[in-house]
N, C-alpha and C. Protein backbone atom coordinates (compact mmCIF):
# COMPACT_ATOMS: atom_id res chain seq x y z
N MET A 1 15.45 -25.83 -14.78
CA MET A 1 14.55 -25.76 -13.65
C MET A 1 14.11 -24.30 -13.48
N ALA A 2 12.80 -24.08 -13.39
CA ALA A 2 12.25 -22.74 -13.21
C ALA A 2 12.35 -22.32 -11.74
N VAL A 3 12.60 -21.06 -11.56
CA VAL A 3 12.67 -20.51 -10.20
C VAL A 3 11.35 -19.82 -9.91
N THR A 4 10.72 -20.20 -8.83
CA THR A 4 9.45 -19.58 -8.43
C THR A 4 9.76 -18.36 -7.58
N PRO A 5 9.21 -17.19 -7.97
CA PRO A 5 9.47 -16.00 -7.15
C PRO A 5 8.85 -16.13 -5.77
N ILE A 6 9.52 -15.57 -4.80
CA ILE A 6 9.01 -15.58 -3.43
C ILE A 6 8.02 -14.44 -3.28
N ASN A 7 6.86 -14.72 -2.71
CA ASN A 7 5.85 -13.70 -2.48
C ASN A 7 6.14 -13.02 -1.14
N ILE A 8 6.69 -11.82 -1.21
CA ILE A 8 7.01 -11.09 0.01
C ILE A 8 5.77 -10.34 0.46
N ALA A 9 5.40 -10.52 1.70
CA ALA A 9 4.20 -9.87 2.24
C ALA A 9 4.39 -8.36 2.31
N LEU A 10 3.29 -7.66 2.13
CA LEU A 10 3.27 -6.21 2.24
C LEU A 10 3.62 -5.81 3.67
N ALA A 11 4.57 -4.90 3.80
CA ALA A 11 4.97 -4.45 5.14
C ALA A 11 5.61 -3.07 5.05
N PRO A 12 5.47 -2.29 6.11
CA PRO A 12 6.16 -1.00 6.14
C PRO A 12 7.67 -1.20 6.24
N GLN A 13 8.40 -0.43 5.46
CA GLN A 13 9.85 -0.43 5.57
C GLN A 13 10.26 0.61 6.62
N THR A 14 9.63 1.78 6.54
CA THR A 14 9.82 2.82 7.55
C THR A 14 8.48 3.46 7.86
N MET A 15 8.36 3.95 9.08
CA MET A 15 7.14 4.64 9.51
C MET A 15 7.59 5.83 10.34
N LYS A 16 7.05 7.02 10.04
CA LYS A 16 7.46 8.19 10.81
C LYS A 16 6.31 9.17 10.95
N GLN A 17 6.35 9.90 12.05
CA GLN A 17 5.38 10.95 12.31
C GLN A 17 5.86 12.17 11.54
N VAL A 18 5.17 12.53 10.44
CA VAL A 18 5.54 13.66 9.60
C VAL A 18 5.21 14.97 10.30
N SER A 19 4.07 15.00 10.96
CA SER A 19 3.62 16.14 11.76
C SER A 19 2.73 15.56 12.86
N PRO A 20 2.26 16.38 13.79
CA PRO A 20 1.40 15.84 14.84
C PRO A 20 0.15 15.13 14.31
N THR A 21 -0.31 15.51 13.13
CA THR A 21 -1.54 14.91 12.59
C THR A 21 -1.32 14.13 11.30
N THR A 22 -0.05 13.84 10.96
CA THR A 22 0.26 13.14 9.72
C THR A 22 1.26 12.03 9.97
N LEU A 23 0.97 10.84 9.44
CA LEU A 23 1.85 9.68 9.55
C LEU A 23 2.33 9.32 8.15
N GLY A 24 3.63 9.06 8.02
CA GLY A 24 4.19 8.64 6.74
C GLY A 24 4.68 7.21 6.81
N ILE A 25 4.40 6.43 5.76
CA ILE A 25 4.87 5.05 5.68
C ILE A 25 5.51 4.84 4.32
N THR A 26 6.73 4.29 4.32
CA THR A 26 7.35 3.82 3.09
C THR A 26 7.24 2.31 3.13
N TRP A 27 6.61 1.75 2.10
CA TRP A 27 6.34 0.31 2.06
C TRP A 27 7.50 -0.45 1.44
N ASN A 28 7.55 -1.75 1.69
CA ASN A 28 8.64 -2.57 1.18
C ASN A 28 8.63 -2.70 -0.34
N ASP A 29 7.56 -2.25 -1.00
CA ASP A 29 7.56 -2.22 -2.47
C ASP A 29 7.97 -0.85 -3.00
N GLY A 30 8.38 0.06 -2.09
CA GLY A 30 8.84 1.39 -2.48
C GLY A 30 7.78 2.47 -2.47
N HIS A 31 6.52 2.09 -2.37
CA HIS A 31 5.44 3.08 -2.36
C HIS A 31 5.50 3.90 -1.08
N GLU A 32 5.26 5.21 -1.21
CA GLU A 32 5.24 6.10 -0.04
C GLU A 32 3.82 6.59 0.20
N SER A 33 3.33 6.39 1.40
CA SER A 33 1.97 6.80 1.78
C SER A 33 2.05 7.84 2.88
N THR A 34 1.15 8.80 2.81
CA THR A 34 1.00 9.81 3.86
C THR A 34 -0.45 9.78 4.30
N TYR A 35 -0.67 9.72 5.61
CA TYR A 35 -2.01 9.58 6.15
C TYR A 35 -2.35 10.69 7.13
N ALA A 36 -3.55 11.22 7.03
CA ALA A 36 -4.09 12.06 8.09
C ALA A 36 -4.45 11.08 9.21
N VAL A 37 -3.84 11.24 10.38
CA VAL A 37 -4.02 10.25 11.44
C VAL A 37 -5.48 10.13 11.87
N ARG A 38 -6.24 11.19 11.76
CA ARG A 38 -7.67 11.12 12.11
C ARG A 38 -8.39 10.11 11.22
N ASN A 39 -8.01 10.04 9.94
CA ASN A 39 -8.63 9.07 9.03
C ASN A 39 -8.31 7.64 9.45
N ILE A 40 -7.09 7.42 9.95
CA ILE A 40 -6.76 6.09 10.46
C ILE A 40 -7.63 5.77 11.66
N ARG A 41 -7.73 6.72 12.59
CA ARG A 41 -8.57 6.51 13.79
C ARG A 41 -10.01 6.21 13.41
N LEU A 42 -10.53 6.93 12.41
CA LEU A 42 -11.92 6.72 11.98
C LEU A 42 -12.12 5.37 11.30
N SER A 43 -11.04 4.74 10.84
CA SER A 43 -11.16 3.45 10.16
C SER A 43 -11.00 2.27 11.10
N CYS A 44 -10.93 2.53 12.40
CA CYS A 44 -10.75 1.46 13.37
C CYS A 44 -11.88 0.43 13.25
N ARG A 45 -11.49 -0.85 13.29
CA ARG A 45 -12.47 -1.94 13.15
C ARG A 45 -12.64 -2.75 14.43
N CYS A 46 -12.21 -2.20 15.56
CA CYS A 46 -12.33 -2.96 16.81
C CYS A 46 -13.80 -3.04 17.24
N ALA A 47 -14.07 -3.87 18.24
CA ALA A 47 -15.45 -4.09 18.70
C ALA A 47 -16.08 -2.84 19.32
N ASN A 48 -15.27 -1.89 19.75
CA ASN A 48 -15.81 -0.63 20.28
C ASN A 48 -16.23 0.32 19.16
N CYS A 49 -15.70 0.11 17.97
CA CYS A 49 -15.95 1.03 16.85
C CYS A 49 -16.87 0.44 15.78
N ILE A 50 -16.92 -0.88 15.69
CA ILE A 50 -17.77 -1.59 14.72
C ILE A 50 -18.55 -2.66 15.48
N ASP A 51 -19.85 -2.73 15.28
CA ASP A 51 -20.67 -3.76 15.93
C ASP A 51 -20.23 -5.13 15.44
N GLU A 52 -19.91 -6.01 16.37
CA GLU A 52 -19.40 -7.34 16.02
C GLU A 52 -20.39 -8.18 15.23
N TRP A 53 -21.67 -8.00 15.48
CA TRP A 53 -22.68 -8.84 14.84
C TRP A 53 -23.19 -8.25 13.53
N THR A 54 -23.46 -6.97 13.52
CA THR A 54 -24.05 -6.35 12.33
C THR A 54 -23.02 -5.72 11.41
N ARG A 55 -21.82 -5.52 11.92
CA ARG A 55 -20.74 -4.84 11.19
C ARG A 55 -21.05 -3.37 10.93
N GLU A 56 -22.06 -2.84 11.63
CA GLU A 56 -22.38 -1.42 11.50
C GLU A 56 -21.37 -0.60 12.29
N LYS A 57 -21.05 0.56 11.75
CA LYS A 57 -20.11 1.45 12.41
C LYS A 57 -20.77 2.07 13.64
N ILE A 58 -20.14 1.92 14.79
CA ILE A 58 -20.60 2.51 16.04
C ILE A 58 -19.94 3.87 16.23
N LEU A 59 -18.68 3.95 15.85
CA LEU A 59 -17.89 5.16 16.02
C LEU A 59 -18.48 6.30 15.21
N LYS A 60 -18.70 7.41 15.86
CA LYS A 60 -19.23 8.61 15.20
C LYS A 60 -18.08 9.58 14.94
N ALA A 61 -17.98 10.04 13.70
CA ALA A 61 -16.89 10.94 13.31
C ALA A 61 -16.83 12.18 14.20
N GLU A 62 -17.99 12.68 14.58
CA GLU A 62 -18.01 13.90 15.40
C GLU A 62 -17.46 13.68 16.81
N SER A 63 -17.30 12.42 17.21
CA SER A 63 -16.74 12.14 18.54
C SER A 63 -15.21 12.12 18.54
N ILE A 64 -14.61 12.18 17.36
CA ILE A 64 -13.15 12.14 17.25
C ILE A 64 -12.63 13.56 17.06
N PRO A 65 -11.77 14.03 17.96
CA PRO A 65 -11.24 15.39 17.83
C PRO A 65 -10.46 15.58 16.53
N GLU A 66 -10.56 16.75 15.96
CA GLU A 66 -9.83 17.07 14.73
C GLU A 66 -8.32 16.97 14.94
N ASP A 67 -7.88 17.24 16.16
CA ASP A 67 -6.44 17.26 16.44
C ASP A 67 -5.96 15.98 17.13
N ILE A 68 -6.66 14.87 16.92
CA ILE A 68 -6.26 13.60 17.54
C ILE A 68 -4.85 13.24 17.09
N LYS A 69 -4.10 12.60 17.99
CA LYS A 69 -2.73 12.24 17.69
C LYS A 69 -2.44 10.83 18.22
N PRO A 70 -1.56 10.11 17.54
CA PRO A 70 -1.09 8.85 18.12
C PRO A 70 -0.10 9.16 19.23
N LYS A 71 -0.29 8.53 20.38
CA LYS A 71 0.64 8.70 21.50
C LYS A 71 1.74 7.64 21.43
N LYS A 72 1.37 6.45 20.94
CA LYS A 72 2.31 5.34 20.86
C LYS A 72 1.88 4.42 19.72
N ILE A 73 2.83 3.97 18.92
CA ILE A 73 2.56 3.03 17.83
C ILE A 73 3.46 1.82 18.03
N GLU A 74 2.85 0.63 18.06
CA GLU A 74 3.60 -0.61 18.25
C GLU A 74 3.24 -1.59 17.15
N THR A 75 4.21 -2.40 16.74
CA THR A 75 3.91 -3.44 15.77
C THR A 75 3.23 -4.61 16.48
N VAL A 76 2.37 -5.28 15.74
CA VAL A 76 1.68 -6.47 16.21
C VAL A 76 2.11 -7.59 15.27
N GLY A 77 2.96 -8.46 15.76
CA GLY A 77 3.48 -9.52 14.91
C GLY A 77 4.14 -8.94 13.68
N ARG A 78 3.90 -9.60 12.55
CA ARG A 78 4.45 -9.14 11.27
C ARG A 78 3.34 -8.73 10.32
N TYR A 79 2.19 -8.30 10.90
CA TYR A 79 1.05 -8.02 10.03
C TYR A 79 0.29 -6.75 10.35
N ALA A 80 0.61 -6.07 11.45
CA ALA A 80 -0.24 -4.94 11.85
C ALA A 80 0.48 -4.00 12.81
N ILE A 81 -0.20 -2.88 13.09
CA ILE A 81 0.23 -1.98 14.15
C ILE A 81 -0.94 -1.73 15.09
N GLN A 82 -0.61 -1.37 16.32
CA GLN A 82 -1.62 -0.95 17.28
C GLN A 82 -1.24 0.45 17.72
N ILE A 83 -2.24 1.34 17.76
CA ILE A 83 -1.99 2.74 18.09
C ILE A 83 -2.73 3.11 19.37
N ASN A 84 -2.01 3.73 20.29
CA ASN A 84 -2.63 4.33 21.47
C ASN A 84 -2.87 5.79 21.12
N TRP A 85 -4.14 6.19 21.14
CA TRP A 85 -4.54 7.52 20.67
C TRP A 85 -4.69 8.52 21.81
N SER A 86 -4.60 9.79 21.46
CA SER A 86 -4.75 10.86 22.45
C SER A 86 -6.16 10.95 23.02
N ASP A 87 -7.15 10.29 22.38
CA ASP A 87 -8.51 10.27 22.93
C ASP A 87 -8.72 9.10 23.89
N GLY A 88 -7.65 8.35 24.18
CA GLY A 88 -7.73 7.23 25.12
C GLY A 88 -8.00 5.89 24.46
N HIS A 89 -8.32 5.86 23.18
CA HIS A 89 -8.61 4.60 22.49
C HIS A 89 -7.31 3.86 22.21
N SER A 90 -7.31 2.54 22.42
CA SER A 90 -6.09 1.78 22.18
C SER A 90 -6.35 0.33 21.79
N THR A 91 -7.59 -0.04 21.50
CA THR A 91 -7.89 -1.45 21.24
C THR A 91 -7.87 -1.83 19.77
N GLY A 92 -7.75 -0.87 18.89
CA GLY A 92 -7.77 -1.18 17.47
C GLY A 92 -6.43 -1.70 16.96
N ILE A 93 -6.50 -2.67 16.06
CA ILE A 93 -5.32 -3.18 15.37
C ILE A 93 -5.52 -2.88 13.89
N PHE A 94 -4.53 -2.25 13.29
CA PHE A 94 -4.60 -1.86 11.89
C PHE A 94 -3.64 -2.73 11.09
N THR A 95 -4.19 -3.65 10.28
CA THR A 95 -3.32 -4.51 9.49
C THR A 95 -2.61 -3.69 8.43
N PHE A 96 -1.47 -4.19 7.98
CA PHE A 96 -0.73 -3.49 6.93
C PHE A 96 -1.59 -3.38 5.68
N GLU A 97 -2.33 -4.43 5.38
CA GLU A 97 -3.22 -4.40 4.21
C GLU A 97 -4.27 -3.30 4.35
N GLN A 98 -4.86 -3.18 5.53
CA GLN A 98 -5.86 -2.13 5.77
C GLN A 98 -5.23 -0.75 5.63
N LEU A 99 -4.05 -0.56 6.22
CA LEU A 99 -3.37 0.73 6.12
C LEU A 99 -3.08 1.09 4.67
N ARG A 100 -2.60 0.11 3.92
CA ARG A 100 -2.29 0.38 2.52
C ARG A 100 -3.55 0.77 1.76
N SER A 101 -4.67 0.15 2.08
CA SER A 101 -5.93 0.48 1.39
C SER A 101 -6.41 1.88 1.74
N LEU A 102 -5.92 2.44 2.84
CA LEU A 102 -6.30 3.79 3.25
C LEU A 102 -5.38 4.86 2.65
N CYS A 103 -4.41 4.45 1.86
CA CYS A 103 -3.46 5.40 1.28
C CYS A 103 -4.21 6.51 0.56
N GLU A 104 -3.82 7.75 0.86
CA GLU A 104 -4.53 8.92 0.35
C GLU A 104 -3.89 9.52 -0.90
N CYS A 105 -2.86 8.88 -1.44
CA CYS A 105 -2.20 9.47 -2.61
C CYS A 105 -3.10 9.38 -3.84
N GLU A 106 -2.84 10.24 -4.80
CA GLU A 106 -3.66 10.31 -6.00
C GLU A 106 -3.67 8.99 -6.77
N SER A 107 -2.52 8.36 -6.85
CA SER A 107 -2.41 7.09 -7.57
C SER A 107 -3.29 6.01 -6.94
N CYS A 108 -3.23 5.91 -5.61
CA CYS A 108 -4.04 4.90 -4.92
C CYS A 108 -5.52 5.24 -4.98
N GLN A 109 -5.86 6.50 -4.86
CA GLN A 109 -7.27 6.89 -4.95
C GLN A 109 -7.81 6.58 -6.34
N HIS A 110 -6.99 6.79 -7.35
CA HIS A 110 -7.40 6.51 -8.72
C HIS A 110 -7.62 5.01 -8.93
N LYS A 111 -6.79 4.21 -8.29
CA LYS A 111 -6.88 2.75 -8.41
C LYS A 111 -7.79 2.14 -7.36
N ASN A 112 -8.41 2.97 -6.52
CA ASN A 112 -9.21 2.50 -5.39
C ASN A 112 -8.37 1.63 -4.46
N CYS A 113 -7.07 1.93 -4.40
CA CYS A 113 -6.13 1.25 -3.51
C CYS A 113 -6.05 -0.24 -3.77
N ASP A 114 -6.20 -0.66 -4.99
CA ASP A 114 -6.03 -2.08 -5.34
C ASP A 114 -4.55 -2.33 -5.57
N HIS A 115 -3.84 -2.72 -4.53
CA HIS A 115 -2.41 -3.00 -4.64
C HIS A 115 -2.17 -4.47 -4.52
């Protein structure tokens, strides 16, 4: 009888604030990602940042302070995190898949984050 491998969903194993403007995530597959938190904020897909009908980006990069910081990070179920930002924004949900695709490491950039 063949054993079918279990497909374990992508999830952070650990998450830590490396510096005021840098977030580190170690994933359950062992990959380590480091993110400039401003880039995460700029990737928000909530209705305040992306037009719900046209999918056009409403959020302007120049409106986000260079020194933006997460004030609070909470998990949302088993698939995402929600961040309360120092600019007052708190409605965005960042799925683990989305966060992984934003990985800034050389390996992920080379692969276009196809994990």
